Amino acid sequence: MFEKSTVRIVVFLFFKLTKREVTYALVISLLKNLFSYLI
Protein backbone atom coordinates (compact mmCIF):
# COMPACT_ATOMS: atom_id res chain seq x y z
CA MET A 1 0.00 0.00 0.00
CA PHE A 2 1.07 3.54 -0.65
CA GLU A 3 1.71 5.87 2.23
CA LYS A 4 -0.93 8.50 2.87
CA SER A 5 1.59 11.28 2.25
CA THR A 6 2.46 9.84 -1.17
CA VAL A 7 -1.21 9.52 -2.09
CA ARG A 8 -1.82 13.10 -1.00
CA ILE A 9 1.06 14.35 -3.14
CA VAL A 10 -0.15 12.40 -6.19
CA VAL A 11 -3.73 13.62 -5.75
CA PHE A 12 -2.53 17.20 -5.24
CA LEU A 13 -0.44 17.09 -8.42
CA PHE A 14 -3.28 15.46 -10.35
CA PHE A 15 -5.78 18.13 -9.34
CA LYS A 16 -3.21 20.86 -9.94
CA LEU A 17 -2.66 19.62 -13.49
CA THR A 18 -6.33 19.01 -14.29
CA LYS A 19 -7.68 22.03 -12.44
CA ARG A 20 -8.42 23.91 -15.67
CA GLU A 21 -10.16 20.98 -17.36
CA VAL A 22 -12.25 20.24 -14.27
CA THR A 23 -13.24 23.90 -13.94
CA TYR A 24 -14.28 24.09 -17.59
CA ALA A 25 -16.29 20.85 -17.25
CA LEU A 26 -18.07 22.17 -14.15
CA VAL A 27 -18.88 25.50 -15.81
CA ILE A 28 -20.20 23.78 -18.95
CA SER A 29 -22.35 21.39 -16.88
CA LEU A 30 -23.74 24.30 -14.85
CA LEU A 31 -24.55 26.25 -18.03
CA LYS A 32 -26.27 23.20 -19.52
CA ASN A 33 -28.33 22.80 -16.34
CA LEU A 34 -29.33 26.47 -16.42
CA PHE A 35 -30.35 26.28 -20.09
CA SER A 36 -32.34 23.10 -19.44
CA TYR A 37 -34.18 24.84 -16.60
CA LEU A 38 -34.88 27.92 -18.76
CA ILE A 39 -36.08 25.96 -21.77
PDB file of N, CA and C in Angstrom:
ATOM      1  N   MET A   1       0.841  -1.216   0.000  1.00  0.00           N
ATOM      2  CA  MET A   1       0.000   0.000   0.000  1.00  0.00           C
ATOM      3  C   MET A   1       0.866   1.253   0.000  1.00  0.00           C
ATOM      4  N   PHE A   2       0.344   2.279  -0.642  1.00  0.00           N
ATOM      5  CA  PHE A   2       1.072   3.537  -0.650  1.00  0.00           C
ATOM      6  C   PHE A   2       0.889   4.252   0.678  1.00  0.00           C
ATOM      7  N   GLU A   3       1.856   5.077   1.014  1.00  0.00           N
ATOM      8  CA  GLU A   3       1.713   5.872   2.232  1.00  0.00           C
ATOM      9  C   GLU A   3       0.729   6.997   1.981  1.00  0.00           C
ATOM     10  N   LYS A   4       0.072   7.439   3.030  1.00  0.00           N
ATOM     11  CA  LYS A   4      -0.927   8.501   2.870  1.00  0.00           C
ATOM     12  C   LYS A   4      -0.295   9.766   2.311  1.00  0.00           C
ATOM     13  N   SER A   5       0.919  10.067   2.738  1.00  0.00           N
ATOM     14  CA  SER A   5       1.585  11.279   2.248  1.00  0.00           C
ATOM     15  C   SER A   5       1.812  11.186   0.743  1.00  0.00           C
ATOM     16  N   THR A   6       2.225  10.016   0.266  1.00  0.00           N
ATOM     17  CA  THR A   6       2.459   9.844  -1.174  1.00  0.00           C
ATOM     18  C   THR A   6       1.157  10.004  -1.943  1.00  0.00           C
ATOM     19  N   VAL A   7       0.091   9.409  -1.421  1.00  0.00           N
ATOM     20  CA  VAL A   7      -1.205   9.523  -2.092  1.00  0.00           C
ATOM     21  C   VAL A   7      -1.641  10.976  -2.127  1.00  0.00           C
ATOM     22  N   ARG A   8      -1.432  11.675  -1.041  1.00  0.00           N
ATOM     23  CA  ARG A   8      -1.821  13.096  -1.003  1.00  0.00           C
ATOM     24  C   ARG A   8      -1.061  13.891  -2.032  1.00  0.00           C
ATOM     25  N   ILE A   9       0.239  13.616  -2.160  1.00  0.00           N
ATOM     26  CA  ILE A   9       1.059  14.349  -3.138  1.00  0.00           C
ATOM     27  C   ILE A   9       0.580  14.057  -4.560  1.00  0.00           C
ATOM     28  N   VAL A  10       0.300  12.777  -4.843  1.00  0.00           N
ATOM     29  CA  VAL A  10      -0.148  12.404  -6.188  1.00  0.00           C
ATOM     30  C   VAL A  10      -1.484  13.062  -6.497  1.00  0.00           C
ATOM     31  N   VAL A  11      -2.412  13.009  -5.532  1.00  0.00           N
ATOM     32  CA  VAL A  11      -3.726  13.618  -5.747  1.00  0.00           C
ATOM     33  C   VAL A  11      -3.587  15.123  -5.931  1.00  0.00           C
ATOM     34  N   PHE A  12      -2.723  15.759  -5.125  1.00  0.00           N
ATOM     35  CA  PHE A  12      -2.526  17.202  -5.239  1.00  0.00           C
ATOM     36  C   PHE A  12      -1.994  17.563  -6.617  1.00  0.00           C
ATOM     37  N   LEU A  13      -1.000  16.819  -7.097  1.00  0.00           N
ATOM     38  CA  LEU A  13      -0.438  17.089  -8.419  1.00  0.00           C
ATOM     39  C   LEU A  13      -1.477  16.855  -9.509  1.00  0.00           C
ATOM     40  N   PHE A  14      -2.273  15.771  -9.347  1.00  0.00           N
ATOM     41  CA  PHE A  14      -3.285  15.457 -10.350  1.00  0.00           C
ATOM     42  C   PHE A  14      -4.292  16.582 -10.462  1.00  0.00           C
ATOM     43  N   PHE A  15      -4.790  17.052  -9.304  1.00  0.00           N
ATOM     44  CA  PHE A  15      -5.782  18.130  -9.338  1.00  0.00           C
ATOM     45  C   PHE A  15      -5.152  19.434  -9.815  1.00  0.00           C
ATOM     46  N   LYS A  16      -3.889  19.644  -9.490  1.00  0.00           N
ATOM     47  CA  LYS A  16      -3.214  20.862  -9.936  1.00  0.00           C
ATOM     48  C   LYS A  16      -3.086  20.875 -11.459  1.00  0.00           C
ATOM     49  N   LEU A  17      -2.824  19.704 -12.039  1.00  0.00           N
ATOM     50  CA  LEU A  17      -2.664  19.622 -13.490  1.00  0.00           C
ATOM     51  C   LEU A  17      -4.001  19.691 -14.209  1.00  0.00           C
ATOM     52  N   THR A  18      -5.030  19.086 -13.603  1.00  0.00           N
ATOM     53  CA  THR A  18      -6.328  19.014 -14.291  1.00  0.00           C
ATOM     54  C   THR A  18      -7.309  20.035 -13.737  1.00  0.00           C
ATOM     55  N   LYS A  19      -6.791  21.032 -13.033  1.00  0.00           N
ATOM     56  CA  LYS A  19      -7.683  22.028 -12.435  1.00  0.00           C
ATOM     57  C   LYS A  19      -8.459  22.771 -13.522  1.00  0.00           C
ATOM     58  N   ARG A  20      -7.770  23.162 -14.593  1.00  0.00           N
ATOM     59  CA  ARG A  20      -8.420  23.908 -15.670  1.00  0.00           C
ATOM     60  C   ARG A  20      -9.509  23.073 -16.327  1.00  0.00           C
ATOM     61  N   GLU A  21      -9.183  21.833 -16.689  1.00  0.00           N
ATOM     62  CA  GLU A  21     -10.160  20.976 -17.364  1.00  0.00           C
ATOM     63  C   GLU A  21     -11.375  20.747 -16.476  1.00  0.00           C
ATOM     64  N   VAL A  22     -11.129  20.492 -15.192  1.00  0.00           N
ATOM     65  CA  VAL A  22     -12.246  20.237 -14.270  1.00  0.00           C
ATOM     66  C   VAL A  22     -13.112  21.482 -14.153  1.00  0.00           C
ATOM     67  N   THR A  23     -12.476  22.662 -14.060  1.00  0.00           N
ATOM     68  CA  THR A  23     -13.236  23.905 -13.939  1.00  0.00           C
ATOM     69  C   THR A  23     -14.093  24.125 -15.174  1.00  0.00           C
ATOM     70  N   TYR A  24     -13.506  23.913 -16.360  1.00  0.00           N
ATOM     71  CA  TYR A  24     -14.276  24.088 -17.590  1.00  0.00           C
ATOM     72  C   TYR A  24     -15.455  23.116 -17.631  1.00  0.00           C
ATOM     73  N   ALA A  25     -15.218  21.854 -17.232  1.00  0.00           N
ATOM     74  CA  ALA A  25     -16.287  20.849 -17.249  1.00  0.00           C
ATOM     75  C   ALA A  25     -17.408  21.262 -16.301  1.00  0.00           C
ATOM     76  N   LEU A  26     -17.050  21.757 -15.108  1.00  0.00           N
ATOM     77  CA  LEU A  26     -18.075  22.170 -14.146  1.00  0.00           C
ATOM     78  C   LEU A  26     -18.871  23.357 -14.687  1.00  0.00           C
ATOM     79  N   VAL A  27     -18.182  24.319 -15.274  1.00  0.00           N
ATOM     80  CA  VAL A  27     -18.877  25.496 -15.814  1.00  0.00           C
ATOM     81  C   VAL A  27     -19.822  25.089 -16.933  1.00  0.00           C
ATOM     82  N   ILE A  28     -19.354  24.215 -17.832  1.00  0.00           N
ATOM     83  CA  ILE A  28     -20.199  23.775 -18.949  1.00  0.00           C
ATOM     84  C   ILE A  28     -21.416  23.027 -18.430  1.00  0.00           C
ATOM     85  N   SER A  29     -21.208  22.152 -17.428  1.00  0.00           N
ATOM     86  CA  SER A  29     -22.347  21.392 -16.880  1.00  0.00           C
ATOM     87  C   SER A  29     -23.340  22.338 -16.215  1.00  0.00           C
ATOM     88  N   LEU A  30     -22.835  23.347 -15.506  1.00  0.00           N
ATOM     89  CA  LEU A  30     -23.736  24.300 -14.855  1.00  0.00           C
ATOM     90  C   LEU A  30     -24.523  25.083 -15.897  1.00  0.00           C
ATOM     91  N   LEU A  31     -23.854  25.511 -16.974  1.00  0.00           N
ATOM     92  CA  LEU A  31     -24.547  26.245 -18.027  1.00  0.00           C
ATOM     93  C   LEU A  31     -25.615  25.373 -18.680  1.00  0.00           C
ATOM     94  N   LYS A  32     -25.281  24.101 -18.915  1.00  0.00           N
ATOM     95  CA  LYS A  32     -26.269  23.195 -19.518  1.00  0.00           C
ATOM     96  C   LYS A  32     -27.475  23.045 -18.602  1.00  0.00           C
ATOM     97  N   ASN A  33     -27.226  22.929 -17.288  1.00  0.00           N
ATOM     98  CA  ASN A  33     -28.335  22.795 -16.343  1.00  0.00           C
ATOM     99  C   ASN A  33     -29.206  24.051 -16.358  1.00  0.00           C
ATOM    100  N   LEU A  34     -28.574  25.214 -16.396  1.00  0.00           N
ATOM    101  CA  LEU A  34     -29.332  26.469 -16.420  1.00  0.00           C
ATOM    102  C   LEU A  34     -30.181  26.555 -17.687  1.00  0.00           C
ATOM    103  N   PHE A  35     -29.599  26.217 -18.833  1.00  0.00           N
ATOM    104  CA  PHE A  35     -30.353  26.280 -20.087  1.00  0.00           C
ATOM    105  C   PHE A  35     -31.504  25.293 -20.068  1.00  0.00           C
ATOM    106  N   SER A  36     -31.263  24.105 -19.487  1.00  0.00           N
ATOM    107  CA  SER A  36     -32.338  23.098 -19.443  1.00  0.00           C
ATOM    108  C   SER A  36     -33.477  23.595 -18.557  1.00  0.00           C
ATOM    109  N   TYR A  37     -33.124  24.304 -17.476  1.00  0.00           N
ATOM    110  CA  TYR A  37     -34.183  24.843 -16.604  1.00  0.00           C
ATOM    111  C   TYR A  37     -34.947  25.961 -17.322  1.00  0.00           C
ATOM    112  N   LEU A  38     -34.234  26.798 -18.079  1.00  0.00           N
ATOM    113  CA  LEU A  38     -34.883  27.916 -18.757  1.00  0.00           C
ATOM    114  C   LEU A  38     -35.786  27.427 -19.877  1.00  0.00           C
ATOM    115  N   ILE A  39     -35.304  26.420 -20.604  1.00  0.00           N
ATOM    116  CA  ILE A  39     -36.080  25.960 -21.768  1.00  0.00           C
ATOM    117  C   ILE A  39     -37.234  25.071 -21.355  1.00  0.00           C
TER     118      ILE A  39
END
